[in-house]
Amino acid sequence: KSSAASDVYKRQKLGCNERLEFLGDAVLELISSDFLYAKFTQVPEGELTKKRASLVCEPSLAYCARQFGLPQYLLLGKGENMTGGRNRDSIVSDATEALLGAIYLDGGMEAAERHIMRFIPKNLEQRESLGFRDYKTALQEVIQKNPEEKVEYVLVSESGPDHAKAFQVEVCLNSNVIGVGTGRSKKAAEQMAAKEALRLMGYEK
Protein backbone atom coordinates (compact mmCIF):
# COMPACT_ATOMS: atom_id res chain seq x y z
CA LYS A 1 0.00 0.00 0.00
CA SER A 2 1.27 3.52 -0.81
CA SER A 3 0.89 4.63 2.82
CA ALA A 4 3.27 1.88 3.91
CA ALA A 5 5.73 2.82 1.19
CA SER A 6 5.72 6.42 2.47
CA ASP A 7 6.24 5.39 6.10
CA VAL A 8 9.36 3.36 5.45
CA TYR A 9 10.80 5.27 2.50
CA LYS A 10 13.54 6.91 4.56
CA ARG A 11 14.66 3.56 5.92
CA GLN A 12 14.12 1.32 2.92
CA LYS A 13 12.78 2.03 -0.55
CA LEU A 14 9.54 0.10 -0.78
CA GLY A 15 7.16 0.04 -3.74
CA CYS A 16 3.38 0.06 -3.44
CA ASN A 17 0.94 -2.26 -5.17
CA GLU A 18 -0.93 0.28 -7.29
CA ARG A 19 0.62 -0.74 -10.63
CA LEU A 20 -0.18 -4.38 -9.91
CA GLU A 21 -3.70 -3.33 -8.99
CA PHE A 22 -4.08 -1.70 -12.41
CA LEU A 23 -2.97 -4.89 -14.14
CA GLY A 24 -5.03 -7.19 -11.92
CA ASP A 25 -8.18 -5.19 -12.58
CA ALA A 26 -7.83 -5.82 -16.33
CA VAL A 27 -7.08 -9.53 -15.81
CA LEU A 28 -10.10 -9.91 -13.53
CA GLU A 29 -12.43 -8.25 -16.01
CA LEU A 30 -11.28 -10.50 -18.86
CA ILE A 31 -11.53 -13.75 -16.88
CA SER A 32 -14.89 -12.92 -15.33
CA SER A 33 -16.26 -11.86 -18.74
CA ASP A 34 -15.10 -15.13 -20.31
CA PHE A 35 -16.65 -17.14 -17.46
CA LEU A 36 -20.01 -15.39 -17.66
CA TYR A 37 -20.12 -15.56 -21.47
CA ALA A 38 -19.65 -19.34 -21.34
CA LYS A 39 -21.94 -19.98 -18.36
CA PHE A 40 -24.93 -17.85 -19.38
CA THR A 41 -25.25 -18.62 -23.09
CA GLN A 42 -28.73 -17.13 -23.49
CA VAL A 43 -28.27 -14.02 -21.36
CA PRO A 44 -28.09 -10.67 -23.25
CA GLU A 45 -25.16 -8.29 -23.04
CA GLY A 46 -26.77 -5.91 -20.56
CA GLU A 47 -27.44 -8.66 -18.05
CA LEU A 48 -23.93 -10.06 -18.48
CA THR A 49 -22.54 -6.60 -17.75
CA LYS A 50 -24.63 -6.43 -14.59
CA LYS A 51 -23.44 -9.85 -13.42
CA ARG A 52 -19.81 -8.95 -14.09
CA ALA A 53 -20.12 -5.69 -12.19
CA SER A 54 -21.47 -7.55 -9.18
CA LEU A 55 -18.56 -9.99 -9.28
CA VAL A 56 -15.86 -7.33 -9.30
CA CYS A 57 -17.38 -4.73 -6.95
CA GLU A 58 -15.54 -3.80 -3.75
CA PRO A 59 -17.65 -5.85 -1.30
CA SER A 60 -17.40 -8.92 -3.52
CA LEU A 61 -13.61 -8.74 -3.92
CA ALA A 62 -13.13 -8.00 -0.22
CA TYR A 63 -15.32 -10.96 0.69
CA CYS A 64 -13.25 -13.28 -1.51
CA ALA A 65 -10.00 -11.94 -0.05
CA ARG A 66 -11.14 -12.67 3.49
CA GLN A 67 -11.87 -16.27 2.54
CA PHE A 68 -8.15 -16.93 2.19
CA GLY A 69 -6.86 -14.50 4.82
CA LEU A 70 -5.35 -11.82 2.58
CA PRO A 71 -5.97 -8.85 4.96
CA GLN A 72 -3.57 -10.18 7.60
CA TYR A 73 -0.70 -10.02 5.12
CA LEU A 74 -1.20 -6.40 4.06
CA LEU A 75 1.63 -4.01 4.81
CA LEU A 76 -0.02 -0.72 5.76
CA GLY A 77 1.15 2.64 7.00
CA LYS A 78 0.97 3.15 10.75
CA GLY A 79 -1.96 5.58 10.59
CA GLU A 80 -3.94 3.45 8.19
CA ASN A 81 -3.37 0.36 10.29
CA MET A 82 -4.46 2.13 13.48
CA THR A 83 -7.71 3.35 11.90
CA GLY A 84 -8.86 -0.07 10.74
CA GLY A 85 -7.55 -0.04 7.19
CA ARG A 86 -6.95 -3.78 7.31
CA ASN A 87 -10.71 -4.32 7.48
CA ARG A 88 -11.71 -1.65 4.97
CA ASP A 89 -13.31 -3.04 1.81
CA SER A 90 -11.67 -0.47 -0.46
CA ILE A 91 -8.17 -1.42 0.70
CA VAL A 92 -8.76 -5.16 0.77
CA SER A 93 -10.37 -5.19 -2.68
CA ASP A 94 -7.48 -3.17 -4.15
CA ALA A 95 -5.05 -5.67 -2.63
CA THR A 96 -7.04 -8.51 -4.21
CA GLU A 97 -6.56 -6.97 -7.64
CA ALA A 98 -2.86 -6.39 -6.96
CA LEU A 99 -2.42 -10.02 -5.93
CA LEU A 100 -4.14 -11.14 -9.10
CA GLY A 101 -1.80 -8.95 -11.14
CA ALA A 102 1.17 -10.57 -9.42
CA ILE A 103 -0.20 -14.07 -10.06
CA TYR A 104 -0.64 -13.18 -13.73
CA LEU A 105 2.94 -11.91 -14.05
CA ASP A 106 4.30 -14.98 -12.29
CA GLY A 107 2.22 -17.73 -13.87
CA GLY A 108 0.26 -16.22 -16.74
CA MET A 109 -3.45 -16.13 -17.46
CA GLU A 110 -3.98 -19.80 -16.61
CA ALA A 111 -2.67 -19.36 -13.07
CA ALA A 112 -4.73 -16.19 -12.60
CA GLU A 113 -7.85 -17.98 -13.81
CA ARG A 114 -7.29 -20.90 -11.42
CA HIS A 115 -7.12 -18.46 -8.52
CA ILE A 116 -10.25 -16.54 -9.53
CA MET A 117 -12.28 -19.66 -10.24
CA ARG A 118 -11.83 -20.76 -6.63
CA PHE A 119 -14.29 -18.00 -5.72
CA ILE A 120 -16.47 -17.01 -8.69
CA PRO A 121 -19.03 -19.87 -8.67
CA LYS A 122 -19.46 -19.71 -4.91
CA ASN A 123 -19.72 -15.95 -5.06
CA LEU A 124 -22.45 -16.07 -7.67
CA GLU A 125 -24.57 -18.35 -5.50
CA GLN A 126 -24.10 -16.26 -2.37
CA ARG A 127 -24.37 -12.72 -3.76
CA GLU A 128 -28.05 -12.25 -2.95
CA SER A 129 -27.73 -13.52 0.62
CA LEU A 130 -24.64 -11.36 1.19
CA GLY A 131 -26.53 -8.29 0.06
CA PHE A 132 -24.11 -7.07 -2.61
CA ARG A 133 -25.67 -4.32 -4.69
CA ASP A 134 -24.17 -2.60 -7.70
CA TYR A 135 -25.91 0.78 -7.71
CA LYS A 136 -24.01 2.12 -10.72
CA THR A 137 -25.27 -0.68 -12.95
CA ALA A 138 -28.78 -0.33 -11.56
CA LEU A 139 -28.77 3.40 -12.33
CA GLN A 140 -27.41 2.79 -15.82
CA GLU A 141 -30.24 0.35 -16.50
CA VAL A 142 -32.78 2.99 -15.51
CA ILE A 143 -31.15 5.73 -17.58
CA GLN A 144 -30.58 3.67 -20.73
CA LYS A 145 -34.34 3.41 -21.21
CA ASN A 146 -33.82 6.86 -22.76
CA PRO A 147 -30.83 6.42 -25.13
CA GLU A 148 -30.23 10.15 -25.51
CA GLU A 149 -29.48 10.53 -21.80
CA LYS A 150 -25.86 10.50 -20.62
CA VAL A 151 -24.59 9.67 -17.12
CA GLU A 152 -21.22 10.91 -15.88
CA TYR A 153 -19.41 10.62 -12.52
CA VAL A 154 -17.36 13.62 -11.44
CA LEU A 155 -14.87 13.69 -8.56
CA VAL A 156 -15.53 16.99 -6.79
CA SER A 157 -13.29 16.70 -3.72
CA GLU A 158 -10.60 14.57 -2.11
CA SER A 159 -9.46 15.17 1.44
CA GLY A 160 -7.66 13.62 4.39
CA PRO A 161 -4.35 11.80 4.85
CA ASP A 162 -3.52 8.61 2.95
CA HIS A 163 -4.79 6.39 5.76
CA ALA A 164 -8.17 8.15 5.97
CA LYS A 165 -9.01 9.52 2.54
CA ALA A 166 -12.49 10.83 1.83
CA PHE A 167 -13.75 11.21 -1.73
CA GLN A 168 -16.87 13.04 -2.86
CA VAL A 169 -18.41 12.28 -6.25
CA GLU A 170 -21.36 13.75 -8.11
CA VAL A 171 -23.33 11.74 -10.64
CA CYS A 172 -24.66 13.91 -13.43
CA LEU A 173 -27.41 13.32 -15.97
CA ASN A 174 -26.83 15.53 -19.02
CA SER A 175 -24.64 17.80 -16.84
CA ASN A 176 -27.30 18.07 -14.10
CA VAL A 177 -26.34 16.69 -10.69
CA ILE A 178 -28.74 13.92 -9.67
CA GLY A 179 -26.82 12.41 -6.75
CA VAL A 180 -23.84 12.97 -4.46
CA GLY A 181 -21.87 10.32 -2.60
CA THR A 182 -18.85 10.04 -0.34
CA GLY A 183 -16.57 7.10 0.35
CA ARG A 184 -13.09 5.93 1.29
CA SER A 185 -12.35 5.30 -2.41
CA LYS A 186 -13.53 6.77 -5.71
CA LYS A 187 -15.36 3.54 -6.53
CA ALA A 188 -17.21 3.58 -3.22
CA ALA A 189 -18.12 7.26 -3.62
CA GLU A 190 -19.48 6.58 -7.12
CA GLN A 191 -21.61 3.75 -5.78
CA MET A 192 -23.02 5.99 -3.05
CA ALA A 193 -23.76 8.76 -5.57
CA ALA A 194 -25.62 6.28 -7.76
CA LYS A 195 -27.50 4.98 -4.72
CA GLU A 196 -28.66 8.50 -3.82
CA ALA A 197 -29.73 9.13 -7.42
CA LEU A 198 -31.80 5.93 -7.42
CA ARG A 199 -33.35 6.90 -4.08
CA LEU A 200 -34.31 10.36 -5.32
CA MET A 201 -35.79 8.78 -8.44
CA GLY A 202 -37.86 6.41 -6.33
CA TYR A 203 -36.01 3.19 -7.21
CA GLU A 204 -34.20 2.73 -3.88
CA LYS A 205 -35.28 3.08 -0.25
C-alpha atoms as a PDB file:
ATOM      1  CA  LYS A   1       0.000   0.000   0.000  1.00  0.00           C
ATOM      2  CA  SER A   2       1.269   3.518  -0.814  1.00  0.00           C
ATOM      3  CA  SER A   3       0.891   4.632   2.822  1.00  0.00           C
ATOM      4  CA  ALA A   4       3.267   1.881   3.905  1.00  0.00           C
ATOM      5  CA  ALA A   5       5.728   2.822   1.190  1.00  0.00           C
ATOM      6  CA  SER A   6       5.718   6.421   2.470  1.00  0.00           C
ATOM      7  CA  ASP A   7       6.243   5.393   6.104  1.00  0.00           C
ATOM      8  CA  VAL A   8       9.356   3.357   5.446  1.00  0.00           C
ATOM      9  CA  TYR A   9      10.802   5.266   2.505  1.00  0.00           C
ATOM     10  CA  LYS A  10      13.541   6.914   4.557  1.00  0.00           C
ATOM     11  CA  ARG A  11      14.664   3.558   5.923  1.00  0.00           C
ATOM     12  CA  GLN A  12      14.123   1.322   2.921  1.00  0.00           C
ATOM     13  CA  LYS A  13      12.783   2.034  -0.550  1.00  0.00           C
ATOM     14  CA  LEU A  14       9.543   0.101  -0.785  1.00  0.00           C
ATOM     15  CA  GLY A  15       7.164   0.039  -3.736  1.00  0.00           C
ATOM     16  CA  CYS A  16       3.383   0.062  -3.441  1.00  0.00           C
ATOM     17  CA  ASN A  17       0.942  -2.259  -5.168  1.00  0.00           C
ATOM     18  CA  GLU A  18      -0.932   0.282  -7.293  1.00  0.00           C
ATOM     19  CA  ARG A  19       0.625  -0.735 -10.634  1.00  0.00           C
ATOM     20  CA  LEU A  20      -0.177  -4.378  -9.912  1.00  0.00           C
ATOM     21  CA  GLU A  21      -3.703  -3.333  -8.992  1.00  0.00           C
ATOM     22  CA  PHE A  22      -4.075  -1.697 -12.415  1.00  0.00           C
ATOM     23  CA  LEU A  23      -2.967  -4.895 -14.139  1.00  0.00           C
ATOM     24  CA  GLY A  24      -5.028  -7.195 -11.916  1.00  0.00           C
ATOM     25  CA  ASP A  25      -8.181  -5.188 -12.582  1.00  0.00           C
ATOM     26  CA  ALA A  26      -7.832  -5.822 -16.326  1.00  0.00           C
ATOM     27  CA  VAL A  27      -7.080  -9.533 -15.814  1.00  0.00           C
ATOM     28  CA  LEU A  28     -10.102  -9.905 -13.526  1.00  0.00           C
ATOM     29  CA  GLU A  29     -12.434  -8.248 -16.008  1.00  0.00           C
ATOM     30  CA  LEU A  30     -11.285 -10.500 -18.865  1.00  0.00           C
ATOM     31  CA  ILE A  31     -11.529 -13.748 -16.882  1.00  0.00           C
ATOM     32  CA  SER A  32     -14.891 -12.918 -15.326  1.00  0.00           C
ATOM     33  CA  SER A  33     -16.256 -11.858 -18.743  1.00  0.00           C
ATOM     34  CA  ASP A  34     -15.102 -15.126 -20.309  1.00  0.00           C
ATOM     35  CA  PHE A  35     -16.648 -17.137 -17.463  1.00  0.00           C
ATOM     36  CA  LEU A  36     -20.010 -15.388 -17.660  1.00  0.00           C
ATOM     37  CA  TYR A  37     -20.123 -15.561 -21.467  1.00  0.00           C
ATOM     38  CA  ALA A  38     -19.649 -19.344 -21.340  1.00  0.00           C
ATOM     39  CA  LYS A  39     -21.945 -19.977 -18.360  1.00  0.00           C
ATOM     40  CA  PHE A  40     -24.935 -17.852 -19.384  1.00  0.00           C
ATOM     41  CA  THR A  41     -25.252 -18.616 -23.091  1.00  0.00           C
ATOM     42  CA  GLN A  42     -28.734 -17.129 -23.491  1.00  0.00           C
ATOM     43  CA  VAL A  43     -28.269 -14.019 -21.361  1.00  0.00           C
ATOM     44  CA  PRO A  44     -28.092 -10.673 -23.253  1.00  0.00           C
ATOM     45  CA  GLU A  45     -25.155  -8.292 -23.038  1.00  0.00           C
ATOM     46  CA  GLY A  46     -26.773  -5.906 -20.563  1.00  0.00           C
ATOM     47  CA  GLU A  47     -27.443  -8.661 -18.053  1.00  0.00           C
ATOM     48  CA  LEU A  48     -23.928 -10.062 -18.475  1.00  0.00           C
ATOM     49  CA  THR A  49     -22.537  -6.599 -17.750  1.00  0.00           C
ATOM     50  CA  LYS A  50     -24.635  -6.433 -14.591  1.00  0.00           C
ATOM     51  CA  LYS A  51     -23.438  -9.846 -13.419  1.00  0.00           C
ATOM     52  CA  ARG A  52     -19.808  -8.950 -14.093  1.00  0.00           C
ATOM     53  CA  ALA A  53     -20.118  -5.686 -12.194  1.00  0.00           C
ATOM     54  CA  SER A  54     -21.471  -7.550  -9.178  1.00  0.00           C
ATOM     55  CA  LEU A  55     -18.557  -9.990  -9.281  1.00  0.00           C
ATOM     56  CA  VAL A  56     -15.857  -7.329  -9.295  1.00  0.00           C
ATOM     57  CA  CYS A  57     -17.384  -4.726  -6.951  1.00  0.00           C
ATOM     58  CA  GLU A  58     -15.539  -3.796  -3.752  1.00  0.00           C
ATOM     59  CA  PRO A  59     -17.646  -5.846  -1.299  1.00  0.00           C
ATOM     60  CA  SER A  60     -17.402  -8.922  -3.523  1.00  0.00           C
ATOM     61  CA  LEU A  61     -13.608  -8.736  -3.921  1.00  0.00           C
ATOM     62  CA  ALA A  62     -13.131  -7.999  -0.225  1.00  0.00           C
ATOM     63  CA  TYR A  63     -15.322 -10.962   0.691  1.00  0.00           C
ATOM     64  CA  CYS A  64     -13.252 -13.284  -1.505  1.00  0.00           C
ATOM     65  CA  ALA A  65      -9.995 -11.945  -0.051  1.00  0.00           C
ATOM     66  CA  ARG A  66     -11.139 -12.670   3.490  1.00  0.00           C
ATOM     67  CA  GLN A  67     -11.870 -16.274   2.541  1.00  0.00           C
ATOM     68  CA  PHE A  68      -8.145 -16.929   2.193  1.00  0.00           C
ATOM     69  CA  GLY A  69      -6.862 -14.500   4.817  1.00  0.00           C
ATOM     70  CA  LEU A  70      -5.353 -11.823   2.580  1.00  0.00           C
ATOM     71  CA  PRO A  71      -5.973  -8.846   4.961  1.00  0.00           C
ATOM     72  CA  GLN A  72      -3.573 -10.181   7.598  1.00  0.00           C
ATOM     73  CA  TYR A  73      -0.698 -10.025   5.117  1.00  0.00           C
ATOM     74  CA  LEU A  74      -1.198  -6.401   4.056  1.00  0.00           C
ATOM     75  CA  LEU A  75       1.634  -4.009   4.810  1.00  0.00           C
ATOM     76  CA  LEU A  76      -0.024  -0.723   5.758  1.00  0.00           C
ATOM     77  CA  GLY A  77       1.145   2.636   7.001  1.00  0.00           C
ATOM     78  CA  LYS A  78       0.972   3.154  10.755  1.00  0.00           C
ATOM     79  CA  GLY A  79      -1.959   5.577  10.593  1.00  0.00           C
ATOM     80  CA  GLU A  80      -3.943   3.451   8.187  1.00  0.00           C
ATOM     81  CA  ASN A  81      -3.368   0.357  10.292  1.00  0.00           C
ATOM     82  CA  MET A  82      -4.462   2.130  13.484  1.00  0.00           C
ATOM     83  CA  THR A  83      -7.708   3.353  11.904  1.00  0.00           C
ATOM     84  CA  GLY A  84      -8.856  -0.068  10.739  1.00  0.00           C
ATOM     85  CA  GLY A  85      -7.546  -0.045   7.189  1.00  0.00           C
ATOM     86  CA  ARG A  86      -6.947  -3.783   7.306  1.00  0.00           C
ATOM     87  CA  ASN A  87     -10.714  -4.318   7.479  1.00  0.00           C
ATOM     88  CA  ARG A  88     -11.706  -1.647   4.973  1.00  0.00           C
ATOM     89  CA  ASP A  89     -13.309  -3.041   1.814  1.00  0.00           C
ATOM     90  CA  SER A  90     -11.673  -0.472  -0.462  1.00  0.00           C
ATOM     91  CA  ILE A  91      -8.171  -1.415   0.702  1.00  0.00           C
ATOM     92  CA  VAL A  92      -8.763  -5.156   0.769  1.00  0.00           C
ATOM     93  CA  SER A  93     -10.370  -5.188  -2.681  1.00  0.00           C
ATOM     94  CA  ASP A  94      -7.475  -3.175  -4.149  1.00  0.00           C
ATOM     95  CA  ALA A  95      -5.046  -5.673  -2.634  1.00  0.00           C
ATOM     96  CA  THR A  96      -7.036  -8.514  -4.208  1.00  0.00           C
ATOM     97  CA  GLU A  97      -6.559  -6.974  -7.645  1.00  0.00           C
ATOM     98  CA  ALA A  98      -2.862  -6.394  -6.958  1.00  0.00           C
ATOM     99  CA  LEU A  99      -2.423 -10.021  -5.930  1.00  0.00           C
ATOM    100  CA  LEU A 100      -4.142 -11.141  -9.099  1.00  0.00           C
ATOM    101  CA  GLY A 101      -1.798  -8.950 -11.136  1.00  0.00           C
ATOM    102  CA  ALA A 102       1.174 -10.569  -9.418  1.00  0.00           C
ATOM    103  CA  ILE A 103      -0.200 -14.068 -10.058  1.00  0.00           C
ATOM    104  CA  TYR A 104      -0.640 -13.181 -13.734  1.00  0.00           C
ATOM    105  CA  LEU A 105       2.936 -11.912 -14.046  1.00  0.00           C
ATOM    106  CA  ASP A 106       4.304 -14.976 -12.291  1.00  0.00           C
ATOM    107  CA  GLY A 107       2.218 -17.733 -13.865  1.00  0.00           C
ATOM    108  CA  GLY A 108       0.263 -16.220 -16.738  1.00  0.00           C
ATOM    109  CA  MET A 109      -3.450 -16.128 -17.457  1.00  0.00           C
ATOM    110  CA  GLU A 110      -3.979 -19.798 -16.607  1.00  0.00           C
ATOM    111  CA  ALA A 111      -2.671 -19.361 -13.066  1.00  0.00           C
ATOM    112  CA  ALA A 112      -4.733 -16.188 -12.603  1.00  0.00           C
ATOM    113  CA  GLU A 113      -7.854 -17.984 -13.813  1.00  0.00           C
ATOM    114  CA  ARG A 114      -7.290 -20.901 -11.422  1.00  0.00           C
ATOM    115  CA  HIS A 115      -7.119 -18.458  -8.517  1.00  0.00           C
ATOM    116  CA  ILE A 116     -10.248 -16.542  -9.532  1.00  0.00           C
ATOM    117  CA  MET A 117     -12.282 -19.660 -10.235  1.00  0.00           C
ATOM    118  CA  ARG A 118     -11.828 -20.755  -6.627  1.00  0.00           C
ATOM    119  CA  PHE A 119     -14.295 -18.003  -5.724  1.00  0.00           C
ATOM    120  CA  ILE A 120     -16.474 -17.005  -8.689  1.00  0.00           C
ATOM    121  CA  PRO A 121     -19.032 -19.870  -8.674  1.00  0.00           C
ATOM    122  CA  LYS A 122     -19.459 -19.708  -4.907  1.00  0.00           C
ATOM    123  CA  ASN A 123     -19.722 -15.946  -5.058  1.00  0.00           C
ATOM    124  CA  LEU A 124     -22.453 -16.073  -7.672  1.00  0.00           C
ATOM    125  CA  GLU A 125     -24.572 -18.351  -5.500  1.00  0.00           C
ATOM    126  CA  GLN A 126     -24.103 -16.257  -2.372  1.00  0.00           C
ATOM    127  CA  ARG A 127     -24.366 -12.724  -3.757  1.00  0.00           C
ATOM    128  CA  GLU A 128     -28.053 -12.246  -2.946  1.00  0.00           C
ATOM    129  CA  SER A 129     -27.732 -13.518   0.621  1.00  0.00           C
ATOM    130  CA  LEU A 130     -24.640 -11.360   1.191  1.00  0.00           C
ATOM    131  CA  GLY A 131     -26.531  -8.288   0.059  1.00  0.00           C
ATOM    132  CA  PHE A 132     -24.106  -7.067  -2.609  1.00  0.00           C
ATOM    133  CA  ARG A 133     -25.666  -4.321  -4.691  1.00  0.00           C
ATOM    134  CA  ASP A 134     -24.171  -2.598  -7.700  1.00  0.00           C
ATOM    135  CA  TYR A 135     -25.914   0.778  -7.707  1.00  0.00           C
ATOM    136  CA  LYS A 136     -24.009   2.116 -10.724  1.00  0.00           C
ATOM    137  CA  THR A 137     -25.267  -0.676 -12.953  1.00  0.00           C
ATOM    138  CA  ALA A 138     -28.781  -0.333 -11.556  1.00  0.00           C
ATOM    139  CA  LEU A 139     -28.767   3.398 -12.332  1.00  0.00           C
ATOM    140  CA  GLN A 140     -27.412   2.791 -15.820  1.00  0.00           C
ATOM    141  CA  GLU A 141     -30.242   0.349 -16.503  1.00  0.00           C
ATOM    142  CA  VAL A 142     -32.776   2.990 -15.509  1.00  0.00           C
ATOM    143  CA  ILE A 143     -31.146   5.729 -17.582  1.00  0.00           C
ATOM    144  CA  GLN A 144     -30.583   3.666 -20.727  1.00  0.00           C
ATOM    145  CA  LYS A 145     -34.339   3.413 -21.210  1.00  0.00           C
ATOM    146  CA  ASN A 146     -33.818   6.862 -22.759  1.00  0.00           C
ATOM    147  CA  PRO A 147     -30.828   6.418 -25.135  1.00  0.00           C
ATOM    148  CA  GLU A 148     -30.230  10.151 -25.513  1.00  0.00           C
ATOM    149  CA  GLU A 149     -29.482  10.526 -21.800  1.00  0.00           C
ATOM    150  CA  LYS A 150     -25.858  10.502 -20.615  1.00  0.00           C
ATOM    151  CA  VAL A 151     -24.586   9.674 -17.117  1.00  0.00           C
ATOM    152  CA  GLU A 152     -21.217  10.912 -15.875  1.00  0.00           C
ATOM    153  CA  TYR A 153     -19.409  10.618 -12.519  1.00  0.00           C
ATOM    154  CA  VAL A 154     -17.362  13.617 -11.443  1.00  0.00           C
ATOM    155  CA  LEU A 155     -14.870  13.691  -8.564  1.00  0.00           C
ATOM    156  CA  VAL A 156     -15.526  16.988  -6.785  1.00  0.00           C
ATOM    157  CA  SER A 157     -13.289  16.696  -3.721  1.00  0.00           C
ATOM    158  CA  GLU A 158     -10.598  14.569  -2.114  1.00  0.00           C
ATOM    159  CA  SER A 159      -9.459  15.165   1.440  1.00  0.00           C
ATOM    160  CA  GLY A 160      -7.658  13.619   4.387  1.00  0.00           C
ATOM    161  CA  PRO A 161      -4.351  11.799   4.855  1.00  0.00           C
ATOM    162  CA  ASP A 162      -3.525   8.611   2.948  1.00  0.00           C
ATOM    163  CA  HIS A 163      -4.790   6.390   5.760  1.00  0.00           C
ATOM    164  CA  ALA A 164      -8.171   8.148   5.972  1.00  0.00           C
ATOM    165  CA  LYS A 165      -9.006   9.518   2.540  1.00  0.00           C
ATOM    166  CA  ALA A 166     -12.486  10.832   1.829  1.00  0.00           C
ATOM    167  CA  PHE A 167     -13.749  11.209  -1.732  1.00  0.00           C
ATOM    168  CA  GLN A 168     -16.869  13.037  -2.861  1.00  0.00           C
ATOM    169  CA  VAL A 169     -18.405  12.281  -6.248  1.00  0.00           C
ATOM    170  CA  GLU A 170     -21.359  13.754  -8.111  1.00  0.00           C
ATOM    171  CA  VAL A 171     -23.327  11.736 -10.643  1.00  0.00           C
ATOM    172  CA  CYS A 172     -24.664  13.906 -13.430  1.00  0.00           C
ATOM    173  CA  LEU A 173     -27.410  13.324 -15.970  1.00  0.00           C
ATOM    174  CA  ASN A 174     -26.828  15.533 -19.017  1.00  0.00           C
ATOM    175  CA  SER A 175     -24.636  17.805 -16.839  1.00  0.00           C
ATOM    176  CA  ASN A 176     -27.302  18.068 -14.097  1.00  0.00           C
ATOM    177  CA  VAL A 177     -26.341  16.693 -10.685  1.00  0.00           C
ATOM    178  CA  ILE A 178     -28.744  13.918  -9.668  1.00  0.00           C
ATOM    179  CA  GLY A 179     -26.821  12.411  -6.751  1.00  0.00           C
ATOM    180  CA  VAL A 180     -23.840  12.967  -4.459  1.00  0.00           C
ATOM    181  CA  GLY A 181     -21.869  10.321  -2.604  1.00  0.00           C
ATOM    182  CA  THR A 182     -18.849  10.038  -0.342  1.00  0.00           C
ATOM    183  CA  GLY A 183     -16.570   7.096   0.353  1.00  0.00           C
ATOM    184  CA  ARG A 184     -13.089   5.928   1.290  1.00  0.00           C
ATOM    185  CA  SER A 185     -12.353   5.305  -2.406  1.00  0.00           C
ATOM    186  CA  LYS A 186     -13.528   6.766  -5.711  1.00  0.00           C
ATOM    187  CA  LYS A 187     -15.359   3.539  -6.535  1.00  0.00           C
ATOM    188  CA  ALA A 188     -17.213   3.578  -3.224  1.00  0.00           C
ATOM    189  CA  ALA A 189     -18.122   7.256  -3.624  1.00  0.00           C
ATOM    190  CA  GLU A 190     -19.482   6.581  -7.120  1.00  0.00           C
ATOM    191  CA  GLN A 191     -21.615   3.746  -5.780  1.00  0.00           C
ATOM    192  CA  MET A 192     -23.022   5.986  -3.053  1.00  0.00           C
ATOM    193  CA  ALA A 193     -23.755   8.762  -5.569  1.00  0.00           C
ATOM    194  CA  ALA A 194     -25.620   6.278  -7.760  1.00  0.00           C
ATOM    195  CA  LYS A 195     -27.505   4.983  -4.724  1.00  0.00           C
ATOM    196  CA  GLU A 196     -28.662   8.500  -3.818  1.00  0.00           C
ATOM    197  CA  ALA A 197     -29.728   9.133  -7.423  1.00  0.00           C
ATOM    198  CA  LEU A 198     -31.799   5.934  -7.418  1.00  0.00           C
ATOM    199  CA  ARG A 199     -33.349   6.900  -4.075  1.00  0.00           C
ATOM    200  CA  LEU A 200     -34.306  10.356  -5.323  1.00  0.00           C
ATOM    201  CA  MET A 201     -35.788   8.781  -8.441  1.00  0.00           C
ATOM    202  CA  GLY A 202     -37.856   6.407  -6.328  1.00  0.00           C
ATOM    203  CA  TYR A 203     -36.010   3.186  -7.206  1.00  0.00           C
ATOM    204  CA  GLU A 204     -34.204   2.730  -3.881  1.00  0.00           C
ATOM    205  CA  LYS A 205     -35.281   3.083  -0.254  1.00  0.00           C
END
